[in-house]
Amino acid sequence: MVEIANRVKSIDLSQVRKMFEAAGEDSINLGIGEPDFDIPENVKLAIKQALDDGETHYTPNNGYIELREAIVDKFERDNNIKKRC
């Protein structure tokens, strides 16, 4: 049997690890980065197009406004959640 070193026992879990452990069983961990499904063909085509268009850098910290607006529209339409002004 493997015994954990005493110094390891005293190390606190990181906030990220605490968050993962607090998440429910239905949660999807996007931190690992290895999906268990094939990429849909339309997504592959969009990725190829983005690469051809030079979209090879990180996104802005606050995201793309078009995507943020689409998410708001989705929540309003499908989840009846209204945006606050």
N, C-alpha and C. Protein backbone atom coordinates (compact mmCIF):
# COMPACT_ATOMS: atom_id res chain seq x y z
N MET A 1 0.84 -1.18 0.00
CA MET A 1 0.00 0.00 0.00
C MET A 1 0.89 1.24 0.00
N VAL A 2 0.46 2.26 -0.75
CA VAL A 2 1.22 3.51 -0.84
C VAL A 2 0.76 4.44 0.28
N GLU A 3 1.74 5.01 0.99
CA GLU A 3 1.41 5.95 2.05
C GLU A 3 1.76 7.36 1.60
N ILE A 4 0.83 8.28 1.81
CA ILE A 4 1.04 9.68 1.40
C ILE A 4 1.98 10.35 2.40
N ALA A 5 2.96 11.09 1.86
CA ALA A 5 3.92 11.80 2.71
C ALA A 5 3.19 12.85 3.56
N ASN A 6 3.66 13.05 4.77
CA ASN A 6 3.04 14.01 5.68
C ASN A 6 2.99 15.41 5.10
N ARG A 7 4.05 15.83 4.42
CA ARG A 7 4.07 17.19 3.86
C ARG A 7 3.02 17.37 2.77
N VAL A 8 2.69 16.30 2.06
CA VAL A 8 1.65 16.38 1.04
C VAL A 8 0.28 16.51 1.68
N LYS A 9 0.09 15.85 2.81
CA LYS A 9 -1.20 15.91 3.51
C LYS A 9 -1.54 17.33 3.95
N SER A 10 -0.53 18.16 4.16
CA SER A 10 -0.77 19.52 4.67
C SER A 10 -1.01 20.54 3.55
N ILE A 11 -0.89 20.14 2.31
CA ILE A 11 -1.09 21.08 1.19
C ILE A 11 -2.59 21.24 0.95
N ASP A 12 -3.05 22.49 0.98
CA ASP A 12 -4.47 22.76 0.72
C ASP A 12 -4.78 22.54 -0.75
N LEU A 13 -6.01 22.12 -1.03
CA LEU A 13 -6.45 21.99 -2.41
C LEU A 13 -6.56 23.38 -3.04
N SER A 14 -6.25 23.47 -4.31
CA SER A 14 -6.41 24.74 -5.02
C SER A 14 -7.89 25.06 -5.15
N GLN A 15 -8.20 26.32 -5.40
CA GLN A 15 -9.60 26.72 -5.59
C GLN A 15 -10.21 26.00 -6.80
N VAL A 16 -9.42 25.81 -7.82
CA VAL A 16 -9.92 25.10 -9.01
C VAL A 16 -10.28 23.66 -8.65
N ARG A 17 -9.40 22.98 -7.92
CA ARG A 17 -9.67 21.61 -7.50
C ARG A 17 -10.91 21.55 -6.62
N LYS A 18 -11.07 22.51 -5.70
CA LYS A 18 -12.25 22.56 -4.84
C LYS A 18 -13.51 22.73 -5.68
N MET A 19 -13.42 23.56 -6.72
CA MET A 19 -14.56 23.78 -7.60
C MET A 19 -14.93 22.48 -8.32
N PHE A 20 -13.93 21.76 -8.85
CA PHE A 20 -14.20 20.50 -9.53
C PHE A 20 -14.84 19.49 -8.59
N GLU A 21 -14.36 19.42 -7.38
CA GLU A 21 -14.89 18.45 -6.44
C GLU A 21 -16.30 18.82 -5.97
N ALA A 22 -16.62 20.12 -5.98
CA ALA A 22 -17.95 20.57 -5.57
C ALA A 22 -18.98 20.42 -6.69
N ALA A 23 -18.53 20.29 -7.92
CA ALA A 23 -19.44 20.18 -9.05
C ALA A 23 -20.20 18.86 -8.99
N GLY A 24 -21.42 18.90 -9.46
CA GLY A 24 -22.26 17.70 -9.46
C GLY A 24 -21.84 16.70 -10.52
N GLU A 25 -22.43 15.51 -10.46
CA GLU A 25 -22.09 14.45 -11.41
C GLU A 25 -22.47 14.81 -12.84
N ASP A 26 -23.46 15.68 -13.01
CA ASP A 26 -23.90 16.07 -14.35
C ASP A 26 -23.06 17.19 -14.94
N SER A 27 -22.07 17.66 -14.20
CA SER A 27 -21.22 18.74 -14.68
C SER A 27 -20.27 18.23 -15.75
N ILE A 28 -19.91 19.11 -16.67
CA ILE A 28 -18.95 18.77 -17.72
C ILE A 28 -17.68 19.53 -17.42
N ASN A 29 -16.59 18.81 -17.23
CA ASN A 29 -15.30 19.42 -16.96
C ASN A 29 -14.65 19.78 -18.28
N LEU A 30 -14.53 21.06 -18.55
CA LEU A 30 -13.91 21.52 -19.77
C LEU A 30 -12.41 21.76 -19.60
N GLY A 31 -11.88 21.43 -18.43
CA GLY A 31 -10.47 21.68 -18.15
C GLY A 31 -9.53 20.64 -18.71
N ILE A 32 -10.02 19.45 -18.95
CA ILE A 32 -9.15 18.38 -19.41
C ILE A 32 -8.84 18.55 -20.89
N GLY A 33 -9.80 18.96 -21.68
CA GLY A 33 -9.57 19.24 -23.08
C GLY A 33 -9.62 18.04 -24.01
N GLU A 34 -10.05 16.91 -23.55
CA GLU A 34 -10.12 15.71 -24.39
C GLU A 34 -11.57 15.23 -24.44
N PRO A 35 -12.32 15.63 -25.49
CA PRO A 35 -13.72 15.21 -25.56
C PRO A 35 -13.84 13.71 -25.81
N ASP A 36 -14.97 13.15 -25.40
CA ASP A 36 -15.21 11.72 -25.61
C ASP A 36 -16.17 11.50 -26.77
N PHE A 37 -16.18 12.43 -27.72
CA PHE A 37 -17.04 12.33 -28.89
C PHE A 37 -16.31 12.93 -30.09
N ASP A 38 -16.74 12.54 -31.28
CA ASP A 38 -16.14 13.10 -32.50
C ASP A 38 -16.62 14.52 -32.71
N ILE A 39 -15.79 15.34 -33.32
CA ILE A 39 -16.18 16.71 -33.63
C ILE A 39 -17.17 16.67 -34.79
N PRO A 40 -18.33 17.34 -34.65
CA PRO A 40 -19.30 17.36 -35.75
C PRO A 40 -18.69 17.99 -37.01
N GLU A 41 -19.13 17.54 -38.17
CA GLU A 41 -18.56 17.98 -39.43
C GLU A 41 -18.66 19.49 -39.61
N ASN A 42 -19.78 20.10 -39.21
CA ASN A 42 -19.93 21.55 -39.38
C ASN A 42 -18.94 22.31 -38.50
N VAL A 43 -18.58 21.74 -37.36
CA VAL A 43 -17.59 22.38 -36.49
C VAL A 43 -16.20 22.26 -37.10
N LYS A 44 -15.90 21.10 -37.67
CA LYS A 44 -14.61 20.92 -38.35
C LYS A 44 -14.45 21.96 -39.47
N LEU A 45 -15.52 22.13 -40.26
CA LEU A 45 -15.46 23.10 -41.36
C LEU A 45 -15.26 24.52 -40.84
N ALA A 46 -15.94 24.85 -39.73
CA ALA A 46 -15.80 26.19 -39.15
C ALA A 46 -14.38 26.40 -38.62
N ILE A 47 -13.81 25.37 -38.02
CA ILE A 47 -12.43 25.47 -37.52
C ILE A 47 -11.47 25.69 -38.68
N LYS A 48 -11.65 24.92 -39.75
CA LYS A 48 -10.78 25.08 -40.92
C LYS A 48 -10.89 26.49 -41.49
N GLN A 49 -12.11 26.99 -41.58
CA GLN A 49 -12.32 28.34 -42.11
C GLN A 49 -11.65 29.38 -41.21
N ALA A 50 -11.81 29.23 -39.90
CA ALA A 50 -11.20 30.17 -38.96
C ALA A 50 -9.67 30.18 -39.11
N LEU A 51 -9.09 29.00 -39.27
CA LEU A 51 -7.63 28.92 -39.47
C LEU A 51 -7.23 29.61 -40.77
N ASP A 52 -7.99 29.35 -41.83
CA ASP A 52 -7.71 30.00 -43.11
C ASP A 52 -7.84 31.51 -43.02
N ASP A 53 -8.73 31.98 -42.14
CA ASP A 53 -8.95 33.43 -41.97
C ASP A 53 -7.95 34.05 -40.99
N GLY A 54 -7.03 33.25 -40.46
CA GLY A 54 -6.01 33.78 -39.57
C GLY A 54 -6.45 33.94 -38.12
N GLU A 55 -7.55 33.30 -37.75
CA GLU A 55 -8.04 33.38 -36.37
C GLU A 55 -7.25 32.39 -35.52
N THR A 56 -6.02 32.76 -35.18
CA THR A 56 -5.13 31.83 -34.48
C THR A 56 -4.64 32.37 -33.14
N HIS A 57 -5.28 33.41 -32.64
CA HIS A 57 -4.85 34.02 -31.38
C HIS A 57 -5.93 33.81 -30.31
N TYR A 58 -5.56 34.08 -29.08
CA TYR A 58 -6.53 34.02 -28.00
C TYR A 58 -7.61 35.06 -28.21
N THR A 59 -8.78 34.78 -27.67
CA THR A 59 -9.88 35.75 -27.75
C THR A 59 -9.63 36.89 -26.77
N PRO A 60 -10.34 38.01 -26.95
CA PRO A 60 -10.24 39.08 -25.95
C PRO A 60 -10.72 38.56 -24.58
N ASN A 61 -10.22 39.12 -23.50
CA ASN A 61 -10.61 38.68 -22.16
C ASN A 61 -12.11 38.72 -21.93
N ASN A 62 -12.77 39.72 -22.48
CA ASN A 62 -14.22 39.81 -22.26
C ASN A 62 -15.01 39.13 -23.38
N GLY A 63 -14.34 38.42 -24.25
CA GLY A 63 -15.01 37.65 -25.29
C GLY A 63 -15.38 38.50 -26.50
N TYR A 64 -15.94 37.83 -27.48
CA TYR A 64 -16.41 38.52 -28.68
C TYR A 64 -17.84 38.99 -28.45
N ILE A 65 -18.10 40.24 -28.78
CA ILE A 65 -19.42 40.83 -28.54
C ILE A 65 -20.51 40.04 -29.27
N GLU A 66 -20.23 39.57 -30.50
CA GLU A 66 -21.24 38.81 -31.24
C GLU A 66 -21.62 37.53 -30.51
N LEU A 67 -20.64 36.84 -29.94
CA LEU A 67 -20.92 35.62 -29.19
C LEU A 67 -21.67 35.94 -27.91
N ARG A 68 -21.26 36.98 -27.22
CA ARG A 68 -21.95 37.37 -25.98
C ARG A 68 -23.40 37.70 -26.25
N GLU A 69 -23.66 38.42 -27.35
CA GLU A 69 -25.05 38.77 -27.70
C GLU A 69 -25.85 37.53 -28.08
N ALA A 70 -25.22 36.59 -28.78
CA ALA A 70 -25.91 35.35 -29.15
C ALA A 70 -26.27 34.53 -27.92
N ILE A 71 -25.40 34.52 -26.93
CA ILE A 71 -25.68 33.80 -25.69
C ILE A 71 -26.85 34.45 -24.95
N VAL A 72 -26.87 35.78 -24.90
CA VAL A 72 -27.98 36.50 -24.27
C VAL A 72 -29.28 36.16 -24.99
N ASP A 73 -29.26 36.20 -26.33
CA ASP A 73 -30.46 35.87 -27.11
C ASP A 73 -30.93 34.45 -26.81
N LYS A 74 -30.00 33.51 -26.71
CA LYS A 74 -30.35 32.12 -26.42
C LYS A 74 -31.02 32.01 -25.06
N PHE A 75 -30.45 32.66 -24.05
CA PHE A 75 -31.04 32.58 -22.71
C PHE A 75 -32.41 33.25 -22.66
N GLU A 76 -32.58 34.33 -23.38
CA GLU A 76 -33.90 34.98 -23.42
C GLU A 76 -34.91 34.07 -24.12
N ARG A 77 -34.52 33.52 -25.25
CA ARG A 77 -35.43 32.71 -26.07
C ARG A 77 -35.73 31.35 -25.43
N ASP A 78 -34.70 30.62 -25.04
CA ASP A 78 -34.88 29.23 -24.61
C ASP A 78 -35.06 29.05 -23.12
N ASN A 79 -34.58 29.99 -22.32
CA ASN A 79 -34.61 29.83 -20.88
C ASN A 79 -35.43 30.90 -20.17
N ASN A 80 -36.02 31.82 -20.95
CA ASN A 80 -36.84 32.89 -20.40
C ASN A 80 -36.09 33.71 -19.34
N ILE A 81 -34.80 33.91 -19.57
CA ILE A 81 -33.97 34.73 -18.68
C ILE A 81 -33.74 36.04 -19.38
N LYS A 82 -34.19 37.12 -18.79
CA LYS A 82 -34.08 38.45 -19.41
C LYS A 82 -32.79 39.12 -18.95
N LYS A 83 -32.17 39.83 -19.88
CA LYS A 83 -30.94 40.54 -19.53
C LYS A 83 -31.26 41.75 -18.67
N ARG A 84 -30.33 42.07 -17.79
CA ARG A 84 -30.44 43.27 -16.97
C ARG A 84 -29.73 44.40 -17.66
N CYS A 85 -30.31 45.55 -17.58
CA CYS A 85 -29.68 46.73 -18.21
C CYS A 85 -28.93 47.56 -17.20
